[in-house]
């Protein structure tokens, strides 16, 4: 237990200067572009200079950039991420609302990709250098090379415009729910964006699972288990998979950590009301409170995901030590 606590403490101490560096760099870059309050009010006719100064004072854009950053850090200690300049709502509330929508499609795609990759990766490894292996490898590499935005447009064209099976945008119908059920309507809208994410995640998981399983199947203890008379399925799914799956679980944790970084493409293509869509809109309007809130979540989630991945490695494979 003590080595684990020492490891976590060391990682947190390393994370603090990294967090300050990333957030400070983002804050100064965003605010160096211009004053979002002046940009917003420039589009409103009849606004006096005094009114502009009052709004700038409310959002703190009248202060020097360095002071504004330290004020943002101080407010962060109280879980106060400020108020959106364009939406006029607390950033924390916006991130909670939009984040729930992002989690819906990201968790669904991650779970499905992980389950399918185990089956496909193990099948390819067991049948190494055969037609099955070649087909799975080729298909994975092909899917991995397809640009995400192009795939999303193809899915919309085929399944929404031509076949009219699924909606092409949004997370919920505006007029009438599918079969009168809100739950079914939400699932109906999730299909295409989730499918796009699966196409993006599944190839990487499958290739990693295959590579790891091929290495494990060459280990002496696997050969000894086969020689002792254990069945092929027992050796593969009970003994080999336990050790081969560790890198895949670690990569899945990392993928979950960086899901916000990959969400803007998917959510923009399908007009999905998630954090990625909110982030793109905030960048367009220089809404720096939202931009900083999204960057905050991204940095923290990557840190937690990498930490969880390291701990899972130790749990799955006791031979690995936390140093």
C-alpha atoms as a PDB file:
ATOM      1  CA  UNK A   1       0.000   0.000   0.000  1.00  0.00           C
ATOM      2  CA  UNK A   2       2.843   2.409   0.857  1.00  0.00           C
ATOM      3  CA  UNK A   3       4.547   2.070  -2.571  1.00  0.00           C
ATOM      4  CA  UNK A   4       1.202   2.861  -4.228  1.00  0.00           C
ATOM      5  CA  UNK A   5       0.675   5.980  -2.082  1.00  0.00           C
ATOM      6  CA  UNK A   6       4.237   7.124  -2.737  1.00  0.00           C
ATOM      7  CA  UNK A   7       3.724   6.627  -6.460  1.00  0.00           C
ATOM      8  CA  UNK A   8       0.438   8.563  -6.507  1.00  0.00           C
ATOM      9  CA  UNK A   9       1.957  11.389  -4.436  1.00  0.00           C
ATOM     10  CA  UNK A  10       4.952  11.613  -6.766  1.00  0.00           C
ATOM     11  CA  UNK A  11       2.717  11.731  -9.821  1.00  0.00           C
ATOM     12  CA  UNK A  12       0.551  14.484  -8.285  1.00  0.00           C
ATOM     13  CA  UNK A  13       3.616  16.574  -7.430  1.00  0.00           C
ATOM     14  CA  UNK A  14       4.797  16.211 -11.019  1.00  0.00           C
ATOM     15  CA  UNK A  15       1.335  17.072 -12.330  1.00  0.00           C
ATOM     16  CA  UNK A  16       1.027  20.415 -10.500  1.00  0.00           C
ATOM     17  CA  UNK A  17       3.712  22.335 -12.488  1.00  0.00           C
ATOM     18  CA  UNK A  18       2.559  20.608 -15.683  1.00  0.00           C
ATOM     19  CA  UNK A  19      -1.024  21.736 -15.040  1.00  0.00           C
ATOM     20  CA  UNK A  20       0.048  25.325 -14.363  1.00  0.00           C
ATOM     21  CA  UNK A  21       2.209  25.360 -17.492  1.00  0.00           C
ATOM     22  CA  UNK A  22      -0.514  24.035 -19.824  1.00  0.00           C
ATOM     23  CA  UNK A  23      -3.323  26.208 -18.440  1.00  0.00           C
ATOM     24  CA  UNK A  24      -1.145  29.343 -18.330  1.00  0.00           C
ATOM     25  CA  UNK A  25       0.002  28.851 -21.920  1.00  0.00           C
ATOM     26  CA  UNK A  26      -3.584  28.308 -23.090  1.00  0.00           C
ATOM     27  CA  UNK A  27      -4.868  31.291 -21.130  1.00  0.00           C
ATOM     28  CA  UNK A  28      -2.261  33.693 -22.499  1.00  0.00           C
ATOM     29  CA  UNK A  29      -2.634  32.460 -26.086  1.00  0.00           C
ATOM     30  CA  UNK A  30      -6.444  32.788 -26.065  1.00  0.00           C
ATOM     31  CA  UNK A  31      -6.445  36.226 -24.453  1.00  0.00           C
ATOM     32  CA  UNK A  32      -3.643  37.496 -26.685  1.00  0.00           C
ATOM     33  CA  UNK A  33      -5.942  37.200 -29.714  1.00  0.00           C
ATOM     34  CA  UNK A  34      -8.301  39.910 -28.522  1.00  0.00           C
ATOM     35  CA  UNK A  35     -10.940  40.967 -26.012  1.00  0.00           C
ATOM     36  CA  UNK A  36     -14.056  38.764 -26.436  1.00  0.00           C
ATOM     37  CA  UNK A  37     -16.267  41.378 -24.749  1.00  0.00           C
ATOM     38  CA  UNK A  38     -15.348  44.036 -27.284  1.00  0.00           C
ATOM     39  CA  UNK A  39     -15.875  41.532 -30.107  1.00  0.00           C
ATOM     40  CA  UNK A  40     -19.304  40.607 -28.760  1.00  0.00           C
ATOM     41  CA  UNK A  41     -20.509  44.158 -28.135  1.00  0.00           C
ATOM     42  CA  UNK A  42     -19.146  45.411 -31.448  1.00  0.00           C
ATOM     43  CA  UNK A  43     -22.040  43.547 -33.087  1.00  0.00           C
ATOM     44  CA  UNK A  44     -24.626  45.263 -30.863  1.00  0.00           C
ATOM     45  CA  UNK A  45     -25.715  48.742 -32.085  1.00  0.00           C
ATOM     46  CA  UNK A  46     -26.134  51.635 -29.683  1.00  0.00           C
ATOM     47  CA  UNK A  47     -23.796  50.383 -26.933  1.00  0.00           C
ATOM     48  CA  UNK A  48     -21.926  53.172 -25.173  1.00  0.00           C
ATOM     49  CA  UNK A  49     -18.290  53.025 -24.084  1.00  0.00           C
ATOM     50  CA  UNK A  50     -19.388  53.133 -20.452  1.00  0.00           C
ATOM     51  CA  UNK A  51     -21.547  50.054 -20.927  1.00  0.00           C
ATOM     52  CA  UNK A  52     -18.632  48.269 -22.594  1.00  0.00           C
ATOM     53  CA  UNK A  53     -16.397  49.104 -19.626  1.00  0.00           C
ATOM     54  CA  UNK A  54     -19.019  47.788 -17.194  1.00  0.00           C
ATOM     55  CA  UNK A  55     -19.291  44.470 -19.049  1.00  0.00           C
ATOM     56  CA  UNK A  56     -15.502  44.184 -19.271  1.00  0.00           C
ATOM     57  CA  UNK A  57     -15.262  44.758 -15.532  1.00  0.00           C
ATOM     58  CA  UNK A  58     -17.911  42.097 -14.864  1.00  0.00           C
ATOM     59  CA  UNK A  59     -15.988  39.465 -16.835  1.00  0.00           C
ATOM     60  CA  UNK A  60     -12.600  40.741 -15.646  1.00  0.00           C
ATOM     61  CA  UNK A  61     -11.237  41.484 -19.102  1.00  0.00           C
ATOM     62  CA  UNK A  62     -10.215  44.980 -17.972  1.00  0.00           C
ATOM     63  CA  UNK A  63      -7.448  43.487 -15.803  1.00  0.00           C
ATOM     64  CA  UNK A  64      -3.924  42.595 -16.977  1.00  0.00           C
ATOM     65  CA  UNK A  65      -3.637  39.084 -18.427  1.00  0.00           C
ATOM     66  CA  UNK A  66      -1.329  37.784 -15.687  1.00  0.00           C
ATOM     67  CA  UNK A  67      -3.644  39.009 -12.945  1.00  0.00           C
ATOM     68  CA  UNK A  68      -6.645  37.503 -14.701  1.00  0.00           C
ATOM     69  CA  UNK A  69      -4.903  34.107 -14.859  1.00  0.00           C
ATOM     70  CA  UNK A  70      -4.075  34.098 -11.141  1.00  0.00           C
ATOM     71  CA  UNK A  71      -7.636  35.157 -10.413  1.00  0.00           C
ATOM     72  CA  UNK A  72      -8.841  32.203 -12.521  1.00  0.00           C
ATOM     73  CA  UNK A  73      -6.588  29.867 -10.490  1.00  0.00           C
ATOM     74  CA  UNK A  74      -7.903  31.293  -7.211  1.00  0.00           C
ATOM     75  CA  UNK A  75     -11.509  30.839  -8.318  1.00  0.00           C
ATOM     76  CA  UNK A  76     -10.686  27.299  -9.430  1.00  0.00           C
ATOM     77  CA  UNK A  77      -9.886  26.385  -5.825  1.00  0.00           C
ATOM     78  CA  UNK A  78     -13.543  27.142  -5.060  1.00  0.00           C
ATOM     79  CA  UNK A  79     -14.744  25.197  -8.142  1.00  0.00           C
ATOM     80  CA  UNK A  80     -15.720  28.460  -9.793  1.00  0.00           C
ATOM     81  CA  UNK A  81     -14.935  28.378 -13.526  1.00  0.00           C
ATOM     82  CA  UNK A  82     -16.601  31.695 -14.245  1.00  0.00           C
ATOM     83  CA  UNK A  83     -19.472  32.637 -16.525  1.00  0.00           C
ATOM     84  CA  UNK A  84     -19.642  32.096 -20.270  1.00  0.00           C
ATOM     85  CA  UNK A  85     -19.284  35.410 -22.094  1.00  0.00           C
ATOM     86  CA  UNK A  86     -21.617  34.510 -24.958  1.00  0.00           C
ATOM     87  CA  UNK A  87     -24.032  32.119 -23.266  1.00  0.00           C
ATOM     88  CA  UNK A  88     -24.256  34.014 -19.960  1.00  0.00           C
ATOM     89  CA  UNK A  89     -24.385  30.801 -17.899  1.00  0.00           C
ATOM     90  CA  UNK A  90     -21.958  29.325 -15.322  1.00  0.00           C
ATOM     91  CA  UNK A  91     -19.269  27.345 -17.112  1.00  0.00           C
ATOM     92  CA  UNK A  92     -19.504  24.502 -14.607  1.00  0.00           C
ATOM     93  CA  UNK A  93     -23.201  24.021 -15.382  1.00  0.00           C
ATOM     94  CA  UNK A  94     -22.540  24.097 -19.130  1.00  0.00           C
ATOM     95  CA  UNK A  95     -19.741  21.540 -18.854  1.00  0.00           C
ATOM     96  CA  UNK A  96     -21.966  19.242 -16.783  1.00  0.00           C
ATOM     97  CA  UNK A  97     -24.823  19.422 -19.297  1.00  0.00           C
ATOM     98  CA  UNK A  98     -22.733  19.073 -22.434  1.00  0.00           C
ATOM     99  CA  UNK A  99     -20.333  16.614 -20.794  1.00  0.00           C
ATOM    100  CA  UNK A 100     -23.160  14.162 -20.103  1.00  0.00           C
ATOM    101  CA  UNK A 101     -23.891  14.019 -23.835  1.00  0.00           C
ATOM    102  CA  UNK A 102     -20.220  13.440 -24.661  1.00  0.00           C
ATOM    103  CA  UNK A 103     -19.984  10.618 -22.123  1.00  0.00           C
ATOM    104  CA  UNK A 104     -23.022   8.888 -23.648  1.00  0.00           C
ATOM    105  CA  UNK A 105     -21.431   8.259 -27.035  1.00  0.00           C
ATOM    106  CA  UNK A 106     -17.824   8.001 -25.845  1.00  0.00           C
ATOM    107  CA  UNK A 107     -18.476   5.348 -23.176  1.00  0.00           C
ATOM    108  CA  UNK A 108     -20.745   3.361 -25.480  1.00  0.00           C
ATOM    109  CA  UNK A 109     -18.172   3.334 -28.295  1.00  0.00           C
ATOM    110  CA  UNK A 110     -15.326   2.535 -25.896  1.00  0.00           C
ATOM    111  CA  UNK A 111     -17.150  -0.442 -24.367  1.00  0.00           C
ATOM    112  CA  UNK A 112     -18.223  -1.869 -27.728  1.00  0.00           C
ATOM    113  CA  UNK A 113     -14.764  -1.330 -29.252  1.00  0.00           C
ATOM    114  CA  UNK A 114     -13.061  -3.013 -26.314  1.00  0.00           C
ATOM    115  CA  UNK A 115     -15.306  -6.091 -26.430  1.00  0.00           C
ATOM    116  CA  UNK A 116     -15.025  -6.496 -30.212  1.00  0.00           C
ATOM    117  CA  UNK A 117     -11.273  -5.910 -30.210  1.00  0.00           C
ATOM    118  CA  UNK A 118     -10.693  -8.725 -27.720  1.00  0.00           C
ATOM    119  CA  UNK A 119     -12.513 -11.195 -29.935  1.00  0.00           C
ATOM    120  CA  UNK A 120     -10.941  -9.956 -33.189  1.00  0.00           C
ATOM    121  CA  UNK A 121      -7.430  -9.569 -31.745  1.00  0.00           C
ATOM    122  CA  UNK A 122      -7.402 -13.010 -30.165  1.00  0.00           C
ATOM    123  CA  UNK A 123      -8.807 -14.585 -33.350  1.00  0.00           C
ATOM    124  CA  UNK A 124      -6.082 -12.942 -35.439  1.00  0.00           C
ATOM    125  CA  UNK A 125      -3.308 -13.948 -33.031  1.00  0.00           C
ATOM    126  CA  UNK A 126      -4.414 -17.566 -32.747  1.00  0.00           C
ATOM    127  CA  UNK A 127      -4.674 -17.803 -36.544  1.00  0.00           C
ATOM    128  CA  UNK A 128      -1.450 -15.917 -37.208  1.00  0.00           C
ATOM    129  CA  UNK A 129      -0.386 -15.653 -40.870  1.00  0.00           C
ATOM    130  CA  UNK A 130      -3.650 -17.148 -42.112  1.00  0.00           C
ATOM    131  CA  UNK A 131      -6.452 -15.648 -44.173  1.00  0.00           C
ATOM    132  CA  UNK A 132      -8.378 -14.730 -41.011  1.00  0.00           C
ATOM    133  CA  UNK A 133      -5.372 -12.886 -39.626  1.00  0.00           C
ATOM    134  CA  UNK A 134      -4.739 -11.090 -42.909  1.00  0.00           C
ATOM    135  CA  UNK A 135      -8.397 -10.072 -43.250  1.00  0.00           C
ATOM    136  CA  UNK A 136      -8.613  -8.684 -39.704  1.00  0.00           C
ATOM    137  CA  UNK A 137      -5.277  -6.863 -40.008  1.00  0.00           C
ATOM    138  CA  UNK A 138      -6.102  -5.384 -43.415  1.00  0.00           C
ATOM    139  CA  UNK A 139      -9.559  -4.247 -42.354  1.00  0.00           C
ATOM    140  CA  UNK A 140      -8.169  -2.683 -39.175  1.00  0.00           C
ATOM    141  CA  UNK A 141      -5.481  -0.780 -41.047  1.00  0.00           C
ATOM    142  CA  UNK A 142      -8.021   0.379 -43.621  1.00  0.00           C
ATOM    143  CA  UNK A 143     -10.440   1.684 -40.992  1.00  0.00           C
ATOM    144  CA  UNK A 144      -7.570   3.331 -39.112  1.00  0.00           C
ATOM    145  CA  UNK A 145      -6.505   5.256 -42.209  1.00  0.00           C
ATOM    146  CA  UNK A 146      -9.958   6.715 -42.973  1.00  0.00           C
ATOM    147  CA  UNK A 147     -10.317  10.367 -41.850  1.00  0.00           C
ATOM    148  CA  UNK A 148     -12.934  10.693 -39.127  1.00  0.00           C
ATOM    149  CA  UNK A 149     -14.848  13.627 -40.609  1.00  0.00           C
ATOM    150  CA  UNK A 150     -15.061  11.888 -44.014  1.00  0.00           C
ATOM    151  CA  UNK A 151     -16.393   8.717 -42.413  1.00  0.00           C
ATOM    152  CA  UNK A 152     -19.005  10.722 -40.526  1.00  0.00           C
ATOM    153  CA  UNK A 153     -20.217  12.355 -43.724  1.00  0.00           C
ATOM    154  CA  UNK A 154     -20.425   8.965 -45.462  1.00  0.00           C
ATOM    155  CA  UNK A 155     -22.488   7.565 -42.574  1.00  0.00           C
ATOM    156  CA  UNK A 156     -24.872  10.515 -42.807  1.00  0.00           C
ATOM    157  CA  UNK A 157     -25.127  10.177 -46.587  1.00  0.00           C
ATOM    158  CA  UNK A 158     -25.844   6.436 -46.527  1.00  0.00           C
ATOM    159  CA  UNK A 159     -27.880   5.874 -43.352  1.00  0.00           C
ATOM    160  CA  UNK A 160     -29.645   9.243 -43.091  1.00  0.00           C
ATOM    161  CA  UNK A 161     -30.107  10.575 -46.617  1.00  0.00           C
ATOM    162  CA  UNK A 162     -30.349   7.386 -48.664  1.00  0.00           C
ATOM    163  CA  UNK A 163     -31.727   4.736 -46.308  1.00  0.00           C
ATOM    164  CA  UNK A 164     -33.282   7.173 -43.790  1.00  0.00           C
ATOM    165  CA  UNK A 165     -32.647   4.749 -40.929  1.00  0.00           C
ATOM    166  CA  UNK A 166     -31.105   7.182 -38.429  1.00  0.00           C
ATOM    167  CA  UNK A 167     -31.168  10.950 -37.777  1.00  0.00           C
ATOM    168  CA  UNK A 168     -28.177  12.936 -39.012  1.00  0.00           C
ATOM    169  CA  UNK A 169     -27.926  15.479 -36.206  1.00  0.00           C
ATOM    170  CA  UNK A 170     -28.818  16.249 -32.612  1.00  0.00           C
ATOM    171  CA  UNK A 171     -29.242  14.100 -29.512  1.00  0.00           C
ATOM    172  CA  UNK A 172     -33.044  14.166 -29.314  1.00  0.00           C
ATOM    173  CA  UNK A 173     -35.999  14.709 -31.608  1.00  0.00           C
ATOM    174  CA  UNK A 174     -37.514  18.184 -31.334  1.00  0.00           C
ATOM    175  CA  UNK A 175     -41.133  17.200 -32.049  1.00  0.00           C
ATOM    176  CA  UNK A 176     -42.009  13.548 -31.515  1.00  0.00           C
ATOM    177  CA  UNK A 177     -39.941  10.808 -29.847  1.00  0.00           C
ATOM    178  CA  UNK A 178     -39.279   7.487 -31.561  1.00  0.00           C
ATOM    179  CA  UNK A 179     -42.201   5.159 -30.665  1.00  0.00           C
ATOM    180  CA  UNK A 180     -43.160   7.781 -28.062  1.00  0.00           C
ATOM    181  CA  UNK A 181     -40.156   6.837 -25.878  1.00  0.00           C
ATOM    182  CA  UNK A 182     -37.478   9.391 -24.943  1.00  0.00           C
ATOM    183  CA  UNK A 183     -35.031   6.585 -24.086  1.00  0.00           C
ATOM    184  CA  UNK A 184     -35.403   4.899 -27.473  1.00  0.00           C
ATOM    185  CA  UNK A 185     -35.175   8.267 -29.201  1.00  0.00           C
ATOM    186  CA  UNK A 186     -31.860   9.008 -27.455  1.00  0.00           C
ATOM    187  CA  UNK A 187     -30.491   5.595 -28.475  1.00  0.00           C
ATOM    188  CA  UNK A 188     -31.694   6.202 -32.042  1.00  0.00           C
ATOM    189  CA  UNK A 189     -29.751   9.477 -32.231  1.00  0.00           C
ATOM    190  CA  UNK A 190     -26.649   7.871 -30.671  1.00  0.00           C
ATOM    191  CA  UNK A 191     -26.187   5.218 -33.364  1.00  0.00           C
ATOM    192  CA  UNK A 192     -24.307   7.148 -36.065  1.00  0.00           C
ATOM    193  CA  UNK A 193     -21.919   9.191 -33.858  1.00  0.00           C
ATOM    194  CA  UNK A 194     -21.185   6.101 -31.774  1.00  0.00           C
ATOM    195  CA  UNK A 195     -20.550   4.064 -34.924  1.00  0.00           C
ATOM    196  CA  UNK A 196     -18.099   6.706 -36.145  1.00  0.00           C
ATOM    197  CA  UNK A 197     -16.190   6.531 -32.850  1.00  0.00           C
ATOM    198  CA  UNK A 198     -16.145   2.716 -32.980  1.00  0.00           C
ATOM    199  CA  UNK A 199     -14.601   2.826 -36.451  1.00  0.00           C
ATOM    200  CA  UNK A 200     -11.913   5.092 -35.010  1.00  0.00           C
ATOM    201  CA  UNK A 201     -11.189   3.173 -31.747  1.00  0.00           C
ATOM    202  CA  UNK A 202     -11.687  -0.450 -32.777  1.00  0.00           C
ATOM    203  CA  UNK A 203      -8.725  -0.796 -35.213  1.00  0.00           C
ATOM    204  CA  UNK A 204      -6.178   0.455 -32.661  1.00  0.00           C
ATOM    205  CA  UNK A 205      -7.546  -1.828 -29.927  1.00  0.00           C
ATOM    206  CA  UNK A 206      -7.613  -4.811 -32.288  1.00  0.00           C
ATOM    207  CA  UNK A 207      -4.044  -4.347 -33.528  1.00  0.00           C
ATOM    208  CA  UNK A 208      -2.766  -3.889 -29.986  1.00  0.00           C
ATOM    209  CA  UNK A 209      -4.691  -6.941 -28.760  1.00  0.00           C
ATOM    210  CA  UNK A 210      -3.311  -9.076 -31.578  1.00  0.00           C
ATOM    211  CA  UNK A 211       0.278  -7.952 -31.007  1.00  0.00           C
ATOM    212  CA  UNK A 212       0.078  -8.526 -27.267  1.00  0.00           C
ATOM    213  CA  UNK A 213      -1.566 -11.944 -27.656  1.00  0.00           C
ATOM    214  CA  UNK A 214       1.059 -13.089 -30.195  1.00  0.00           C
ATOM    215  CA  UNK A 215       3.822 -12.256 -27.693  1.00  0.00           C
ATOM    216  CA  UNK A 216       2.052 -13.993 -24.803  1.00  0.00           C
ATOM    217  CA  UNK A 217       1.367 -17.164 -26.804  1.00  0.00           C
ATOM    218  CA  UNK A 218       5.145 -17.570 -27.219  1.00  0.00           C
ATOM    219  CA  UNK A 219       5.796 -17.514 -23.476  1.00  0.00           C
ATOM    220  CA  UNK A 220       7.114 -20.660 -21.773  1.00  0.00           C
ATOM    221  CA  UNK A 221       4.223 -20.932 -19.325  1.00  0.00           C
ATOM    222  CA  UNK A 222       1.729 -21.043 -22.216  1.00  0.00           C
ATOM    223  CA  UNK A 223       3.689 -23.808 -23.912  1.00  0.00           C
ATOM    224  CA  UNK A 224       3.866 -25.647 -20.568  1.00  0.00           C
ATOM    225  CA  UNK A 225       0.098 -25.304 -20.102  1.00  0.00           C
ATOM    226  CA  UNK A 226      -0.514 -26.757 -23.561  1.00  0.00           C
ATOM    227  CA  UNK A 227       1.932 -29.581 -22.881  1.00  0.00           C
ATOM    228  CA  UNK A 228       0.178 -30.436 -19.600  1.00  0.00           C
ATOM    229  CA  UNK A 229      -2.975 -31.306 -21.506  1.00  0.00           C
ATOM    230  CA  UNK A 230      -5.086 -28.187 -21.016  1.00  0.00           C
ATOM    231  CA  UNK A 231      -7.495 -27.448 -23.851  1.00  0.00           C
ATOM    232  CA  UNK A 232      -6.673 -24.772 -26.409  1.00  0.00           C
ATOM    233  CA  UNK A 233      -9.617 -22.575 -25.460  1.00  0.00           C
ATOM    234  CA  UNK A 234      -8.759 -22.816 -21.763  1.00  0.00           C
ATOM    235  CA  UNK A 235      -5.151 -21.811 -22.368  1.00  0.00           C
ATOM    236  CA  UNK A 236      -6.094 -18.901 -24.616  1.00  0.00           C
ATOM    237  CA  UNK A 237      -9.097 -17.394 -22.827  1.00  0.00           C
ATOM    238  CA  UNK A 238      -8.155 -18.175 -19.224  1.00  0.00           C
ATOM    239  CA  UNK A 239      -4.368 -17.946 -19.086  1.00  0.00           C
ATOM    240  CA  UNK A 240      -3.043 -16.050 -22.108  1.00  0.00           C
ATOM    241  CA  UNK A 241      -5.778 -13.403 -22.285  1.00  0.00           C
ATOM    242  CA  UNK A 242      -5.248 -12.365 -18.667  1.00  0.00           C
ATOM    243  CA  UNK A 243      -1.723 -11.160 -19.418  1.00  0.00           C
ATOM    244  CA  UNK A 244      -2.256 -10.074 -23.015  1.00  0.00           C
ATOM    245  CA  UNK A 245      -5.129  -7.729 -22.193  1.00  0.00           C
ATOM    246  CA  UNK A 246      -3.087  -5.454 -19.903  1.00  0.00           C
ATOM    247  CA  UNK A 247      -1.784  -3.134 -22.678  1.00  0.00           C
ATOM    248  CA  UNK A 248      -5.274  -2.915 -24.193  1.00  0.00           C
ATOM    249  CA  UNK A 249      -6.833  -1.913 -20.859  1.00  0.00           C
ATOM    250  CA  UNK A 250      -4.120   0.691 -20.377  1.00  0.00           C
ATOM    251  CA  UNK A 251      -4.664   2.097 -23.862  1.00  0.00           C
ATOM    252  CA  UNK A 252      -8.429   2.124 -23.303  1.00  0.00           C
ATOM    253  CA  UNK A 253      -7.906   4.157 -20.130  1.00  0.00           C
ATOM    254  CA  UNK A 254      -5.755   6.608 -22.048  1.00  0.00           C
ATOM    255  CA  UNK A 255      -8.344   6.792 -24.846  1.00  0.00           C
ATOM    256  CA  UNK A 256     -11.024   7.638 -22.295  1.00  0.00           C
ATOM    257  CA  UNK A 257      -8.767  10.331 -20.869  1.00  0.00           C
ATOM    258  CA  UNK A 258      -8.321  12.077 -24.212  1.00  0.00           C
ATOM    259  CA  UNK A 259     -11.898  11.620 -25.419  1.00  0.00           C
ATOM    260  CA  UNK A 260     -12.504  15.386 -25.209  1.00  0.00           C
ATOM    261  CA  UNK A 261      -9.622  15.927 -27.631  1.00  0.00           C
ATOM    262  CA  UNK A 262     -11.271  13.638 -30.185  1.00  0.00           C
ATOM    263  CA  UNK A 263     -14.852  14.782 -29.583  1.00  0.00           C
ATOM    264  CA  UNK A 264     -14.904  18.058 -31.603  1.00  0.00           C
ATOM    265  CA  UNK A 265     -14.745  16.253 -34.965  1.00  0.00           C
ATOM    266  CA  UNK A 266     -17.529  13.782 -34.194  1.00  0.00           C
ATOM    267  CA  UNK A 267     -19.782  16.274 -32.455  1.00  0.00           C
ATOM    268  CA  UNK A 268     -19.331  18.918 -35.145  1.00  0.00           C
ATOM    269  CA  UNK A 269     -20.152  16.493 -37.969  1.00  0.00           C
ATOM    270  CA  UNK A 270     -23.319  15.239 -36.235  1.00  0.00           C
ATOM    271  CA  UNK A 271     -24.158  18.533 -34.448  1.00  0.00           C
ATOM    272  CA  UNK A 272     -24.027  16.547 -31.217  1.00  0.00           C
ATOM    273  CA  UNK A 273     -24.490  18.823 -28.162  1.00  0.00           C
ATOM    274  CA  UNK A 274     -21.385  17.663 -26.319  1.00  0.00           C
ATOM    275  CA  UNK A 275     -18.247  19.233 -24.882  1.00  0.00           C
ATOM    276  CA  UNK A 276     -16.483  19.049 -28.245  1.00  0.00           C
ATOM    277  CA  UNK A 277     -19.242  21.016 -29.951  1.00  0.00           C
ATOM    278  CA  UNK A 278     -19.244  23.521 -27.079  1.00  0.00           C
ATOM    279  CA  UNK A 279     -15.452  23.864 -27.351  1.00  0.00           C
ATOM    280  CA  UNK A 280     -15.536  24.613 -31.090  1.00  0.00           C
ATOM    281  CA  UNK A 281     -18.258  27.212 -30.532  1.00  0.00           C
ATOM    282  CA  UNK A 282     -16.227  28.789 -27.698  1.00  0.00           C
ATOM    283  CA  UNK A 283     -13.100  29.030 -29.868  1.00  0.00           C
ATOM    284  CA  UNK A 284     -15.084  30.719 -32.617  1.00  0.00           C
ATOM    285  CA  UNK A 285     -16.339  33.350 -30.168  1.00  0.00           C
ATOM    286  CA  UNK A 286     -13.142  33.542 -28.031  1.00  0.00           C
ATOM    287  CA  UNK A 287     -15.248  32.565 -25.023  1.00  0.00           C
ATOM    288  CA  UNK A 288     -12.190  31.982 -22.850  1.00  0.00           C
ATOM    289  CA  UNK A 289     -14.028  30.848 -19.649  1.00  0.00           C
ATOM    290  CA  UNK A 290     -15.432  27.865 -21.570  1.00  0.00           C
ATOM    291  CA  UNK A 291     -12.127  27.240 -23.372  1.00  0.00           C
ATOM    292  CA  UNK A 292     -10.270  27.145 -20.046  1.00  0.00           C
ATOM    293  CA  UNK A 293     -12.923  24.883 -18.538  1.00  0.00           C
ATOM    294  CA  UNK A 294     -12.588  22.357 -21.361  1.00  0.00           C
ATOM    295  CA  UNK A 295      -8.772  22.487 -21.228  1.00  0.00           C
ATOM    296  CA  UNK A 296      -8.986  21.946 -17.463  1.00  0.00           C
ATOM    297  CA  UNK A 297     -11.084  18.811 -17.922  1.00  0.00           C
ATOM    298  CA  UNK A 298      -8.788  17.536 -20.671  1.00  0.00           C
ATOM    299  CA  UNK A 299      -5.592  17.962 -18.630  1.00  0.00           C
ATOM    300  CA  UNK A 300      -7.071  16.435 -15.471  1.00  0.00           C
ATOM    301  CA  UNK A 301      -8.703  13.526 -17.324  1.00  0.00           C
ATOM    302  CA  UNK A 302      -5.447  12.666 -19.125  1.00  0.00           C
ATOM    303  CA  UNK A 303      -3.598  12.682 -15.791  1.00  0.00           C
ATOM    304  CA  UNK A 304      -6.200  10.498 -14.070  1.00  0.00           C
ATOM    305  CA  UNK A 305      -6.400   8.130 -17.053  1.00  0.00           C
ATOM    306  CA  UNK A 306      -2.627   7.602 -17.165  1.00  0.00           C
ATOM    307  CA  UNK A 307      -2.537   7.073 -13.395  1.00  0.00           C
ATOM    308  CA  UNK A 308      -5.395   4.554 -13.519  1.00  0.00           C
ATOM    309  CA  UNK A 309      -3.710   2.764 -16.440  1.00  0.00           C
ATOM    310  CA  UNK A 310      -0.491   2.335 -14.445  1.00  0.00           C
ATOM    311  CA  UNK A 311      -2.390   1.002 -11.429  1.00  0.00           C
ATOM    312  CA  UNK A 312      -4.408  -1.403 -13.601  1.00  0.00           C
ATOM    313  CA  UNK A 313      -1.169  -2.703 -15.075  1.00  0.00           C
ATOM    314  CA  UNK A 314      -0.017  -3.691 -11.580  1.00  0.00           C
ATOM    315  CA  UNK A 315      -3.370  -5.250 -10.668  1.00  0.00           C
ATOM    316  CA  UNK A 316      -3.559  -7.291 -13.873  1.00  0.00           C
ATOM    317  CA  UNK A 317       0.127  -8.257 -13.950  1.00  0.00           C
ATOM    318  CA  UNK A 318       1.689  -8.466 -10.425  1.00  0.00           C
ATOM    319  CA  UNK A 319       5.145  -8.838 -11.998  1.00  0.00           C
ATOM    320  CA  UNK A 320       5.068  -5.101 -12.769  1.00  0.00           C
ATOM    321  CA  UNK A 321       6.110  -2.842  -9.925  1.00  0.00           C
ATOM    322  CA  UNK A 322       5.255   0.810  -9.380  1.00  0.00           C
ATOM    323  CA  UNK A 323       8.500   2.737  -9.194  1.00  0.00           C
END
